[in-house]
Amino acid sequence: MFNNTNVFIFNMNRISIGILIFALIIFAAGFEMYQTTGFLQKDDIDKLDVKNWDLANGLIPGSQAIEFSGTSGTCWVLVHGYTSTPDELRDLAIEIFLRFNDSVYVPRLYGHGERPSHLEQYSVEEWYHQVEQVADEKQCTYILGSSMGASIALRYAEKHHVDGVVLLGMTVKPQPGFLPINEMIQTFHSVLRYTKKTEPGETVMLPEGKKAHLSYWTFPLKGAAELVDFNKEVMNNIETIKTPVLFLHASQDTVALPDAAKNLYDELQTKKQFILLDEGNHIILRDYAREEAIAHVLDFREQISQNGPN
């Protein structure tokens, strides 16, 4: 029979084994990361991007904010993802404007489209307030976000009246799902600082989409670490969502776990739709299912205009 000392030793052994397993997972997943991050590369965070992009005017060419002024009386604000630019959402903005004559605003989130290190000067909270200011000033009643932009869009809908919300590649839990990626990023981002990509469009499968995608060769981890806590706040207030919500998620998404987004969808107590796209990766509007995704967004707007948001 175990006495208290034996029970204590048994529990300590279990804890030690757990710590060892966690350390091995971090080592296995992080070995390549250590070779390609600020841990070894010091302050070369901008080096690849300065080499590969024409930043003579301070911006990657084509990364400016997008604006279409319609006369329908309806307004959208579209929010691009972390390290991305408004150009990611350009085709969708054009289609919304042409189909409904709605006004569409796609702000360039602070620091984006500039040198990667500039992102470290801002926070996810500041990007949220930037979007909030645009949406309030323009009186937008539809909000759409891609990746991190989806988190910002959902939070805005929790705090303001909107007629519809569209979430593209909502990153509730990062891939791979069997690793504690969120915890690893939060623990080590100040040491690792950034990772290097194989190409700016590495999470796009469509070759033309890869080439067209305006993003960085370097991925600063600060914003990704902040998004973890930002998402926790969003999840804690999900019951306040009363407006229709459309989820679009690629089944082959290598960044955001589809099942985690589906679990969030299941928690919503409002009109909602979850569409799992058969083709493409995380940047949906650059990939194979781009036209299908745009059609779903336009149908979503059409249905609400016909039936009302409630």
C-alpha atoms as a PDB file:
ATOM      1  CA  MET A   1       0.000   0.000   0.000  1.00  0.00           C
ATOM      2  CA  PHE A   2       1.215   3.494  -0.859  1.00  0.00           C
ATOM      3  CA  ASN A   3       1.967   5.827   1.999  1.00  0.00           C
ATOM      4  CA  ASN A   4       2.023   9.631   1.619  1.00  0.00           C
ATOM      5  CA  THR A   5       5.734   9.623   0.742  1.00  0.00           C
ATOM      6  CA  ASN A   6       5.238   7.079  -2.033  1.00  0.00           C
ATOM      7  CA  VAL A   7       2.276   9.004  -3.435  1.00  0.00           C
ATOM      8  CA  PHE A   8       4.361  12.189  -3.446  1.00  0.00           C
ATOM      9  CA  ILE A   9       7.250  10.465  -5.238  1.00  0.00           C
ATOM     10  CA  PHE A  10       4.834   8.911  -7.759  1.00  0.00           C
ATOM     11  CA  ASN A  11       3.270  12.282  -8.557  1.00  0.00           C
ATOM     12  CA  MET A  12       6.668  13.971  -8.861  1.00  0.00           C
ATOM     13  CA  ASN A  13       7.793  11.267 -11.284  1.00  0.00           C
ATOM     14  CA  ARG A  14       4.697  11.840 -13.420  1.00  0.00           C
ATOM     15  CA  ILE A  15       5.355  15.591 -13.440  1.00  0.00           C
ATOM     16  CA  SER A  16       9.004  15.031 -14.379  1.00  0.00           C
ATOM     17  CA  ILE A  17       8.038  12.732 -17.239  1.00  0.00           C
ATOM     18  CA  GLY A  18       5.493  15.293 -18.436  1.00  0.00           C
ATOM     19  CA  ILE A  19       8.101  18.064 -18.387  1.00  0.00           C
ATOM     20  CA  LEU A  20      10.549  15.856 -20.270  1.00  0.00           C
ATOM     21  CA  ILE A  21       7.990  15.004 -22.966  1.00  0.00           C
ATOM     22  CA  PHE A  22       7.045  18.679 -23.336  1.00  0.00           C
ATOM     23  CA  ALA A  23      10.734  19.622 -23.648  1.00  0.00           C
ATOM     24  CA  LEU A  24      11.277  16.974 -26.321  1.00  0.00           C
ATOM     25  CA  ILE A  25       8.268  18.244 -28.284  1.00  0.00           C
ATOM     26  CA  ILE A  26       9.561  21.809 -28.113  1.00  0.00           C
ATOM     27  CA  PHE A  27      13.026  20.678 -29.195  1.00  0.00           C
ATOM     28  CA  ALA A  28      11.701  18.623 -32.117  1.00  0.00           C
ATOM     29  CA  ALA A  29       9.341  21.360 -33.327  1.00  0.00           C
ATOM     30  CA  GLY A  30      11.734  24.191 -32.627  1.00  0.00           C
ATOM     31  CA  PHE A  31      15.086  22.984 -33.959  1.00  0.00           C
ATOM     32  CA  GLU A  32      14.543  24.430 -37.413  1.00  0.00           C
ATOM     33  CA  MET A  33      12.922  27.528 -35.885  1.00  0.00           C
ATOM     34  CA  TYR A  34      16.066  28.237 -33.858  1.00  0.00           C
ATOM     35  CA  GLN A  35      18.084  28.151 -37.080  1.00  0.00           C
ATOM     36  CA  THR A  36      15.832  30.663 -38.826  1.00  0.00           C
ATOM     37  CA  THR A  37      14.843  33.134 -36.126  1.00  0.00           C
ATOM     38  CA  GLY A  38      16.124  36.132 -34.242  1.00  0.00           C
ATOM     39  CA  PHE A  39      17.675  33.793 -31.670  1.00  0.00           C
ATOM     40  CA  LEU A  40      20.580  33.267 -34.077  1.00  0.00           C
ATOM     41  CA  GLN A  41      19.995  35.984 -36.651  1.00  0.00           C
ATOM     42  CA  LYS A  42      20.162  38.871 -34.173  1.00  0.00           C
ATOM     43  CA  ASP A  43      18.730  42.048 -35.734  1.00  0.00           C
ATOM     44  CA  ASP A  44      18.497  40.860 -39.331  1.00  0.00           C
ATOM     45  CA  ILE A  45      14.698  40.812 -39.139  1.00  0.00           C
ATOM     46  CA  ASP A  46      14.333  43.190 -42.133  1.00  0.00           C
ATOM     47  CA  LYS A  47      17.199  41.813 -44.211  1.00  0.00           C
ATOM     48  CA  LEU A  48      15.256  39.445 -46.475  1.00  0.00           C
ATOM     49  CA  ASP A  49      12.431  41.890 -47.107  1.00  0.00           C
ATOM     50  CA  VAL A  50      14.681  44.840 -47.884  1.00  0.00           C
ATOM     51  CA  LYS A  51      16.471  42.587 -50.345  1.00  0.00           C
ATOM     52  CA  ASN A  52      13.331  41.252 -52.027  1.00  0.00           C
ATOM     53  CA  TRP A  53      10.873  44.189 -51.961  1.00  0.00           C
ATOM     54  CA  ASP A  54      11.208  47.718 -53.308  1.00  0.00           C
ATOM     55  CA  LEU A  55      10.777  49.660 -50.068  1.00  0.00           C
ATOM     56  CA  ALA A  56      12.153  52.922 -51.454  1.00  0.00           C
ATOM     57  CA  ASN A  57       8.895  54.711 -50.605  1.00  0.00           C
ATOM     58  CA  GLY A  58       8.506  52.928 -47.291  1.00  0.00           C
ATOM     59  CA  LEU A  59       5.843  50.492 -48.529  1.00  0.00           C
ATOM     60  CA  ILE A  60       5.738  47.296 -50.517  1.00  0.00           C
ATOM     61  CA  PRO A  61       4.273  48.476 -53.861  1.00  0.00           C
ATOM     62  CA  GLY A  62       0.540  47.748 -53.992  1.00  0.00           C
ATOM     63  CA  SER A  63       0.036  47.462 -50.235  1.00  0.00           C
ATOM     64  CA  GLN A  64      -1.893  50.703 -49.787  1.00  0.00           C
ATOM     65  CA  ALA A  65      -5.356  50.909 -48.230  1.00  0.00           C
ATOM     66  CA  ILE A  66      -8.316  50.273 -50.547  1.00  0.00           C
ATOM     67  CA  GLU A  67     -11.509  52.313 -50.702  1.00  0.00           C
ATOM     68  CA  PHE A  68     -14.632  52.151 -52.860  1.00  0.00           C
ATOM     69  CA  SER A  69     -17.406  54.680 -52.253  1.00  0.00           C
ATOM     70  CA  GLY A  70     -20.830  53.301 -53.173  1.00  0.00           C
ATOM     71  CA  THR A  71     -24.304  54.818 -53.030  1.00  0.00           C
ATOM     72  CA  SER A  72     -26.333  51.899 -51.618  1.00  0.00           C
ATOM     73  CA  GLY A  73     -26.101  53.204 -48.061  1.00  0.00           C
ATOM     74  CA  THR A  74     -24.414  49.994 -46.932  1.00  0.00           C
ATOM     75  CA  CYS A  75     -20.775  49.903 -45.864  1.00  0.00           C
ATOM     76  CA  TRP A  76     -18.206  47.152 -45.321  1.00  0.00           C
ATOM     77  CA  VAL A  77     -14.855  47.147 -43.588  1.00  0.00           C
ATOM     78  CA  LEU A  78     -12.534  44.306 -44.579  1.00  0.00           C
ATOM     79  CA  VAL A  79      -9.588  43.394 -42.336  1.00  0.00           C
ATOM     80  CA  HIS A  80      -6.498  41.658 -43.701  1.00  0.00           C
ATOM     81  CA  GLY A  81      -4.388  39.158 -41.797  1.00  0.00           C
ATOM     82  CA  TYR A  82      -1.216  39.490 -39.766  1.00  0.00           C
ATOM     83  CA  THR A  83       1.830  40.269 -41.982  1.00  0.00           C
ATOM     84  CA  SER A  84      -0.524  40.584 -44.965  1.00  0.00           C
ATOM     85  CA  THR A  85      -1.785  43.733 -46.743  1.00  0.00           C
ATOM     86  CA  PRO A  86      -5.130  45.098 -48.025  1.00  0.00           C
ATOM     87  CA  ASP A  87      -4.340  43.691 -51.476  1.00  0.00           C
ATOM     88  CA  GLU A  88      -5.255  40.242 -50.127  1.00  0.00           C
ATOM     89  CA  LEU A  89      -8.900  41.418 -50.111  1.00  0.00           C
ATOM     90  CA  ARG A  90      -8.891  43.566 -53.246  1.00  0.00           C
ATOM     91  CA  ASP A  91     -10.825  41.193 -55.532  1.00  0.00           C
ATOM     92  CA  LEU A  92     -13.539  40.691 -52.936  1.00  0.00           C
ATOM     93  CA  ALA A  93     -13.819  44.449 -52.324  1.00  0.00           C
ATOM     94  CA  ILE A  94     -14.280  45.029 -56.050  1.00  0.00           C
ATOM     95  CA  GLU A  95     -16.961  42.340 -56.333  1.00  0.00           C
ATOM     96  CA  ILE A  96     -18.943  43.701 -53.373  1.00  0.00           C
ATOM     97  CA  PHE A  97     -18.808  47.194 -54.822  1.00  0.00           C
ATOM     98  CA  LEU A  98     -19.822  46.097 -58.332  1.00  0.00           C
ATOM     99  CA  ARG A  99     -22.605  43.752 -57.182  1.00  0.00           C
ATOM    100  CA  PHE A 100     -24.287  45.914 -54.544  1.00  0.00           C
ATOM    101  CA  ASN A 101     -22.778  49.387 -54.974  1.00  0.00           C
ATOM    102  CA  ASP A 102     -21.797  49.171 -51.315  1.00  0.00           C
ATOM    103  CA  SER A 103     -18.983  51.256 -49.885  1.00  0.00           C
ATOM    104  CA  VAL A 104     -15.962  49.112 -49.001  1.00  0.00           C
ATOM    105  CA  TYR A 105     -12.984  50.109 -46.859  1.00  0.00           C
ATOM    106  CA  VAL A 106      -9.874  47.986 -46.442  1.00  0.00           C
ATOM    107  CA  PRO A 107      -7.458  49.777 -44.093  1.00  0.00           C
ATOM    108  CA  ARG A 108      -3.770  48.979 -44.081  1.00  0.00           C
ATOM    109  CA  LEU A 109      -3.159  47.946 -40.495  1.00  0.00           C
ATOM    110  CA  TYR A 110      -0.410  49.977 -38.835  1.00  0.00           C
ATOM    111  CA  GLY A 111       3.079  48.808 -39.763  1.00  0.00           C
ATOM    112  CA  HIS A 112       1.919  46.330 -42.391  1.00  0.00           C
ATOM    113  CA  GLY A 113       3.425  46.557 -45.844  1.00  0.00           C
ATOM    114  CA  GLU A 114       6.462  48.269 -44.313  1.00  0.00           C
ATOM    115  CA  ARG A 115       9.574  46.650 -42.872  1.00  0.00           C
ATOM    116  CA  PRO A 116       8.715  43.583 -40.736  1.00  0.00           C
ATOM    117  CA  SER A 117      10.311  45.179 -37.664  1.00  0.00           C
ATOM    118  CA  HIS A 118       7.702  47.960 -37.829  1.00  0.00           C
ATOM    119  CA  LEU A 119       5.038  45.450 -36.771  1.00  0.00           C
ATOM    120  CA  GLU A 120       6.781  45.177 -33.411  1.00  0.00           C
ATOM    121  CA  GLN A 121       5.918  48.823 -32.744  1.00  0.00           C
ATOM    122  CA  TYR A 122       2.196  48.037 -32.628  1.00  0.00           C
ATOM    123  CA  SER A 123      -0.138  45.675 -30.816  1.00  0.00           C
ATOM    124  CA  VAL A 124      -3.202  43.651 -31.771  1.00  0.00           C
ATOM    125  CA  GLU A 125      -5.209  46.023 -29.557  1.00  0.00           C
ATOM    126  CA  GLU A 126      -4.021  48.998 -31.609  1.00  0.00           C
ATOM    127  CA  TRP A 127      -4.997  47.243 -34.829  1.00  0.00           C
ATOM    128  CA  TYR A 128      -8.418  46.517 -33.381  1.00  0.00           C
ATOM    129  CA  HIS A 129      -8.942  50.167 -32.435  1.00  0.00           C
ATOM    130  CA  GLN A 130      -7.780  51.242 -35.890  1.00  0.00           C
ATOM    131  CA  VAL A 131     -10.470  49.044 -37.485  1.00  0.00           C
ATOM    132  CA  GLU A 132     -13.028  50.189 -34.916  1.00  0.00           C
ATOM    133  CA  GLN A 133     -12.334  53.825 -35.778  1.00  0.00           C
ATOM    134  CA  VAL A 134     -12.764  53.207 -39.518  1.00  0.00           C
ATOM    135  CA  ALA A 135     -15.943  51.166 -39.059  1.00  0.00           C
ATOM    136  CA  ASP A 136     -17.498  53.726 -36.694  1.00  0.00           C
ATOM    137  CA  GLU A 137     -16.518  56.738 -38.789  1.00  0.00           C
ATOM    138  CA  LYS A 138     -17.868  55.198 -42.015  1.00  0.00           C
ATOM    139  CA  GLN A 139     -20.868  53.628 -40.216  1.00  0.00           C
ATOM    140  CA  CYS A 140     -20.128  50.196 -41.627  1.00  0.00           C
ATOM    141  CA  THR A 141     -22.625  47.444 -40.820  1.00  0.00           C
ATOM    142  CA  TYR A 142     -20.738  44.548 -42.371  1.00  0.00           C
ATOM    143  CA  ILE A 143     -17.325  43.418 -41.206  1.00  0.00           C
ATOM    144  CA  LEU A 144     -15.091  40.722 -42.669  1.00  0.00           C
ATOM    145  CA  GLY A 145     -11.715  39.515 -41.529  1.00  0.00           C
ATOM    146  CA  SER A 146      -9.050  37.097 -42.712  1.00  0.00           C
ATOM    147  CA  SER A 147      -6.969  35.143 -40.173  1.00  0.00           C
ATOM    148  CA  MET A 148      -6.057  37.671 -37.437  1.00  0.00           C
ATOM    149  CA  GLY A 149      -8.494  40.033 -39.145  1.00  0.00           C
ATOM    150  CA  ALA A 150     -11.257  37.510 -38.388  1.00  0.00           C
ATOM    151  CA  SER A 151     -10.527  37.802 -34.662  1.00  0.00           C
ATOM    152  CA  ILE A 152     -10.677  41.586 -34.943  1.00  0.00           C
ATOM    153  CA  ALA A 153     -13.948  41.393 -36.890  1.00  0.00           C
ATOM    154  CA  LEU A 154     -15.559  39.075 -34.342  1.00  0.00           C
ATOM    155  CA  ARG A 155     -14.556  41.300 -31.447  1.00  0.00           C
ATOM    156  CA  TYR A 156     -15.985  44.334 -33.226  1.00  0.00           C
ATOM    157  CA  ALA A 157     -19.291  42.487 -33.644  1.00  0.00           C
ATOM    158  CA  GLU A 158     -19.298  41.734 -29.918  1.00  0.00           C
ATOM    159  CA  LYS A 159     -19.065  45.423 -29.082  1.00  0.00           C
ATOM    160  CA  HIS A 160     -21.056  47.084 -31.883  1.00  0.00           C
ATOM    161  CA  HIS A 161     -24.231  46.600 -33.895  1.00  0.00           C
ATOM    162  CA  VAL A 162     -23.559  45.037 -37.278  1.00  0.00           C
ATOM    163  CA  ASP A 163     -25.743  43.312 -39.848  1.00  0.00           C
ATOM    164  CA  GLY A 164     -23.288  40.574 -40.764  1.00  0.00           C
ATOM    165  CA  VAL A 165     -19.861  39.116 -39.969  1.00  0.00           C
ATOM    166  CA  VAL A 166     -17.657  37.024 -42.272  1.00  0.00           C
ATOM    167  CA  LEU A 167     -14.664  35.097 -40.910  1.00  0.00           C
ATOM    168  CA  LEU A 168     -12.034  33.699 -43.273  1.00  0.00           C
ATOM    169  CA  GLY A 169      -9.585  31.190 -41.789  1.00  0.00           C
ATOM    170  CA  MET A 170     -10.385  32.102 -38.180  1.00  0.00           C
ATOM    171  CA  THR A 171      -7.293  31.128 -36.172  1.00  0.00           C
ATOM    172  CA  VAL A 172      -8.720  29.758 -32.935  1.00  0.00           C
ATOM    173  CA  LYS A 173      -5.955  27.169 -32.586  1.00  0.00           C
ATOM    174  CA  PRO A 174      -2.817  26.999 -34.765  1.00  0.00           C
ATOM    175  CA  GLN A 175      -1.675  23.961 -36.675  1.00  0.00           C
ATOM    176  CA  PRO A 176      -0.444  21.363 -35.956  1.00  0.00           C
ATOM    177  CA  GLY A 177      -3.246  20.672 -33.486  1.00  0.00           C
ATOM    178  CA  PHE A 178      -1.291  18.066 -31.494  1.00  0.00           C
ATOM    179  CA  LEU A 179       1.345  20.609 -30.404  1.00  0.00           C
ATOM    180  CA  PRO A 180       0.886  23.433 -27.853  1.00  0.00           C
ATOM    181  CA  ILE A 181       1.807  26.079 -30.449  1.00  0.00           C
ATOM    182  CA  ASN A 182       0.067  28.962 -28.650  1.00  0.00           C
ATOM    183  CA  GLU A 183       1.918  28.215 -25.415  1.00  0.00           C
ATOM    184  CA  MET A 184       5.226  27.846 -27.245  1.00  0.00           C
ATOM    185  CA  ILE A 185       4.816  31.184 -29.037  1.00  0.00           C
ATOM    186  CA  GLN A 186       3.901  33.006 -25.843  1.00  0.00           C
ATOM    187  CA  THR A 187       6.805  31.453 -23.962  1.00  0.00           C
ATOM    188  CA  PHE A 188       9.573  31.962 -26.497  1.00  0.00           C
ATOM    189  CA  HIS A 189       8.583  34.869 -28.768  1.00  0.00           C
ATOM    190  CA  SER A 190      10.733  37.409 -26.936  1.00  0.00           C
ATOM    191  CA  VAL A 191      13.776  35.165 -27.464  1.00  0.00           C
ATOM    192  CA  LEU A 192      13.044  33.847 -30.940  1.00  0.00           C
ATOM    193  CA  ARG A 193      11.531  37.172 -32.042  1.00  0.00           C
ATOM    194  CA  TYR A 194      10.767  36.097 -35.622  1.00  0.00           C
ATOM    195  CA  THR A 195      10.788  33.211 -38.062  1.00  0.00           C
ATOM    196  CA  LYS A 196      11.718  33.162 -41.730  1.00  0.00           C
ATOM    197  CA  LYS A 197       9.355  31.997 -44.464  1.00  0.00           C
ATOM    198  CA  THR A 198      10.248  30.019 -47.564  1.00  0.00           C
ATOM    199  CA  GLU A 199       8.309  32.678 -49.519  1.00  0.00           C
ATOM    200  CA  PRO A 200       5.703  35.369 -48.718  1.00  0.00           C
ATOM    201  CA  GLY A 201       2.907  33.174 -50.087  1.00  0.00           C
ATOM    202  CA  GLU A 202       3.967  29.946 -48.398  1.00  0.00           C
ATOM    203  CA  THR A 203       0.405  29.302 -47.111  1.00  0.00           C
ATOM    204  CA  VAL A 204      -1.079  29.599 -50.614  1.00  0.00           C
ATOM    205  CA  MET A 205      -1.260  26.564 -52.905  1.00  0.00           C
ATOM    206  CA  LEU A 206      -2.266  28.238 -56.163  1.00  0.00           C
ATOM    207  CA  PRO A 207       0.967  29.215 -57.983  1.00  0.00           C
ATOM    208  CA  GLU A 208      -0.422  32.537 -59.252  1.00  0.00           C
ATOM    209  CA  GLY A 209      -1.686  33.294 -55.751  1.00  0.00           C
ATOM    210  CA  LYS A 210       1.727  32.648 -54.253  1.00  0.00           C
ATOM    211  CA  LYS A 211       3.329  35.116 -56.638  1.00  0.00           C
ATOM    212  CA  ALA A 212       0.616  37.748 -56.157  1.00  0.00           C
ATOM    213  CA  HIS A 213       0.566  37.673 -52.365  1.00  0.00           C
ATOM    214  CA  LEU A 214       2.075  40.779 -50.779  1.00  0.00           C
ATOM    215  CA  SER A 215       3.488  39.764 -47.444  1.00  0.00           C
ATOM    216  CA  TYR A 216       6.812  39.384 -45.657  1.00  0.00           C
ATOM    217  CA  TRP A 217       9.657  36.935 -45.928  1.00  0.00           C
ATOM    218  CA  THR A 218       9.926  37.279 -42.162  1.00  0.00           C
ATOM    219  CA  PHE A 219       7.230  36.610 -39.553  1.00  0.00           C
ATOM    220  CA  PRO A 220       7.561  38.634 -36.299  1.00  0.00           C
ATOM    221  CA  LEU A 221       6.227  36.531 -33.419  1.00  0.00           C
ATOM    222  CA  LYS A 222       5.139  39.399 -31.153  1.00  0.00           C
ATOM    223  CA  GLY A 223       1.760  39.870 -32.837  1.00  0.00           C
ATOM    224  CA  ALA A 224       1.112  36.126 -32.937  1.00  0.00           C
ATOM    225  CA  ALA A 225       1.791  35.897 -29.191  1.00  0.00           C
ATOM    226  CA  GLU A 226      -0.570  38.808 -28.464  1.00  0.00           C
ATOM    227  CA  LEU A 227      -3.286  37.242 -30.597  1.00  0.00           C
ATOM    228  CA  VAL A 228      -3.486  34.312 -28.180  1.00  0.00           C
ATOM    229  CA  ASP A 229      -4.726  36.540 -25.341  1.00  0.00           C
ATOM    230  CA  PHE A 230      -6.825  38.630 -27.727  1.00  0.00           C
ATOM    231  CA  ASN A 231      -8.627  35.475 -28.879  1.00  0.00           C
ATOM    232  CA  LYS A 232      -9.258  34.382 -25.295  1.00  0.00           C
ATOM    233  CA  GLU A 233     -11.119  37.641 -24.665  1.00  0.00           C
ATOM    234  CA  VAL A 234     -13.107  37.187 -27.871  1.00  0.00           C
ATOM    235  CA  MET A 235     -14.095  33.634 -26.878  1.00  0.00           C
ATOM    236  CA  ASN A 236     -15.180  34.784 -23.423  1.00  0.00           C
ATOM    237  CA  ASN A 237     -17.694  37.205 -24.958  1.00  0.00           C
ATOM    238  CA  ILE A 238     -18.997  35.043 -27.781  1.00  0.00           C
ATOM    239  CA  GLU A 239     -22.509  34.936 -26.284  1.00  0.00           C
ATOM    240  CA  THR A 240     -22.953  38.636 -27.123  1.00  0.00           C
ATOM    241  CA  ILE A 241     -22.956  37.889 -30.880  1.00  0.00           C
ATOM    242  CA  LYS A 242     -26.532  38.270 -32.168  1.00  0.00           C
ATOM    243  CA  THR A 243     -25.883  38.911 -35.840  1.00  0.00           C
ATOM    244  CA  PRO A 244     -25.516  36.408 -38.710  1.00  0.00           C
ATOM    245  CA  VAL A 245     -22.009  34.950 -39.013  1.00  0.00           C
ATOM    246  CA  LEU A 246     -20.438  33.216 -42.014  1.00  0.00           C
ATOM    247  CA  PHE A 247     -17.362  31.036 -41.489  1.00  0.00           C
ATOM    248  CA  LEU A 248     -15.218  30.105 -44.487  1.00  0.00           C
ATOM    249  CA  HIS A 249     -12.351  27.716 -43.808  1.00  0.00           C
ATOM    250  CA  ALA A 250     -10.071  25.709 -46.085  1.00  0.00           C
ATOM    251  CA  SER A 251      -9.968  22.005 -45.268  1.00  0.00           C
ATOM    252  CA  GLN A 252      -6.233  21.992 -46.087  1.00  0.00           C
ATOM    253  CA  ASP A 253      -5.426  25.023 -43.914  1.00  0.00           C
ATOM    254  CA  THR A 254      -1.904  24.538 -42.538  1.00  0.00           C
ATOM    255  CA  VAL A 255      -2.114  27.545 -40.190  1.00  0.00           C
ATOM    256  CA  ALA A 256      -5.526  27.499 -38.484  1.00  0.00           C
ATOM    257  CA  LEU A 257      -7.092  24.248 -37.276  1.00  0.00           C
ATOM    258  CA  PRO A 258     -10.517  23.830 -38.979  1.00  0.00           C
ATOM    259  CA  ASP A 259     -11.956  21.798 -36.087  1.00  0.00           C
ATOM    260  CA  ALA A 260     -11.171  24.593 -33.616  1.00  0.00           C
ATOM    261  CA  ALA A 261     -12.999  27.114 -35.811  1.00  0.00           C
ATOM    262  CA  LYS A 262     -15.925  24.675 -36.053  1.00  0.00           C
ATOM    263  CA  ASN A 263     -16.034  24.380 -32.251  1.00  0.00           C
ATOM    264  CA  LEU A 264     -16.274  28.162 -32.001  1.00  0.00           C
ATOM    265  CA  TYR A 265     -19.034  28.115 -34.605  1.00  0.00           C
ATOM    266  CA  ASP A 266     -20.957  25.542 -32.542  1.00  0.00           C
ATOM    267  CA  GLU A 267     -20.903  27.879 -29.531  1.00  0.00           C
ATOM    268  CA  LEU A 268     -22.606  30.736 -31.383  1.00  0.00           C
ATOM    269  CA  GLN A 269     -26.296  31.208 -30.652  1.00  0.00           C
ATOM    270  CA  THR A 270     -27.293  33.151 -33.744  1.00  0.00           C
ATOM    271  CA  LYS A 271     -27.884  32.666 -37.471  1.00  0.00           C
ATOM    272  CA  LYS A 272     -24.720  31.104 -38.769  1.00  0.00           C
ATOM    273  CA  GLN A 273     -23.151  29.074 -41.536  1.00  0.00           C
ATOM    274  CA  PHE A 274     -19.892  27.118 -41.654  1.00  0.00           C
ATOM    275  CA  ILE A 275     -18.484  26.312 -45.091  1.00  0.00           C
ATOM    276  CA  LEU A 276     -15.447  24.042 -45.380  1.00  0.00           C
ATOM    277  CA  LEU A 277     -13.749  24.686 -48.711  1.00  0.00           C
ATOM    278  CA  ASP A 278     -12.334  21.608 -50.429  1.00  0.00           C
ATOM    279  CA  GLU A 279      -9.370  23.384 -52.001  1.00  0.00           C
ATOM    280  CA  GLY A 280      -6.713  25.850 -50.951  1.00  0.00           C
ATOM    281  CA  ASN A 281      -4.780  26.840 -47.870  1.00  0.00           C
ATOM    282  CA  HIS A 282      -4.950  29.587 -45.254  1.00  0.00           C
ATOM    283  CA  ILE A 283      -5.049  32.707 -47.453  1.00  0.00           C
ATOM    284  CA  ILE A 284      -8.412  31.795 -48.964  1.00  0.00           C
ATOM    285  CA  LEU A 285      -8.792  34.722 -51.353  1.00  0.00           C
ATOM    286  CA  ARG A 286      -5.418  33.975 -52.973  1.00  0.00           C
ATOM    287  CA  ASP A 287      -6.073  30.295 -53.463  1.00  0.00           C
ATOM    288  CA  TYR A 288      -7.989  27.734 -55.525  1.00  0.00           C
ATOM    289  CA  ALA A 289     -11.327  28.355 -53.765  1.00  0.00           C
ATOM    290  CA  ARG A 290     -11.131  32.153 -54.205  1.00  0.00           C
ATOM    291  CA  GLU A 291     -14.107  32.442 -56.578  1.00  0.00           C
ATOM    292  CA  GLU A 292     -16.195  30.031 -54.502  1.00  0.00           C
ATOM    293  CA  ALA A 293     -15.432  32.010 -51.344  1.00  0.00           C
ATOM    294  CA  ILE A 294     -16.334  35.326 -52.991  1.00  0.00           C
ATOM    295  CA  ALA A 295     -19.625  33.818 -54.219  1.00  0.00           C
ATOM    296  CA  HIS A 296     -20.466  32.717 -50.660  1.00  0.00           C
ATOM    297  CA  VAL A 297     -19.790  36.213 -49.304  1.00  0.00           C
ATOM    298  CA  LEU A 298     -21.993  37.811 -51.967  1.00  0.00           C
ATOM    299  CA  ASP A 299     -24.773  35.288 -51.265  1.00  0.00           C
ATOM    300  CA  PHE A 300     -24.473  36.054 -47.545  1.00  0.00           C
ATOM    301  CA  ARG A 301     -24.985  39.767 -48.248  1.00  0.00           C
ATOM    302  CA  GLU A 302     -27.907  38.996 -50.592  1.00  0.00           C
ATOM    303  CA  GLN A 303     -29.671  36.807 -48.046  1.00  0.00           C
ATOM    304  CA  ILE A 304     -29.406  39.410 -45.307  1.00  0.00           C
ATOM    305  CA  SER A 305     -30.676  42.172 -47.606  1.00  0.00           C
ATOM    306  CA  GLN A 306     -33.697  40.016 -48.456  1.00  0.00           C
ATOM    307  CA  ASN A 307     -34.458  38.507 -45.027  1.00  0.00           C
ATOM    308  CA  GLY A 308     -32.947  41.010 -42.597  1.00  0.00           C
ATOM    309  CA  PRO A 309     -30.131  40.353 -40.124  1.00  0.00           C
ATOM    310  CA  ASN A 310     -32.358  38.853 -37.440  1.00  0.00           C
END
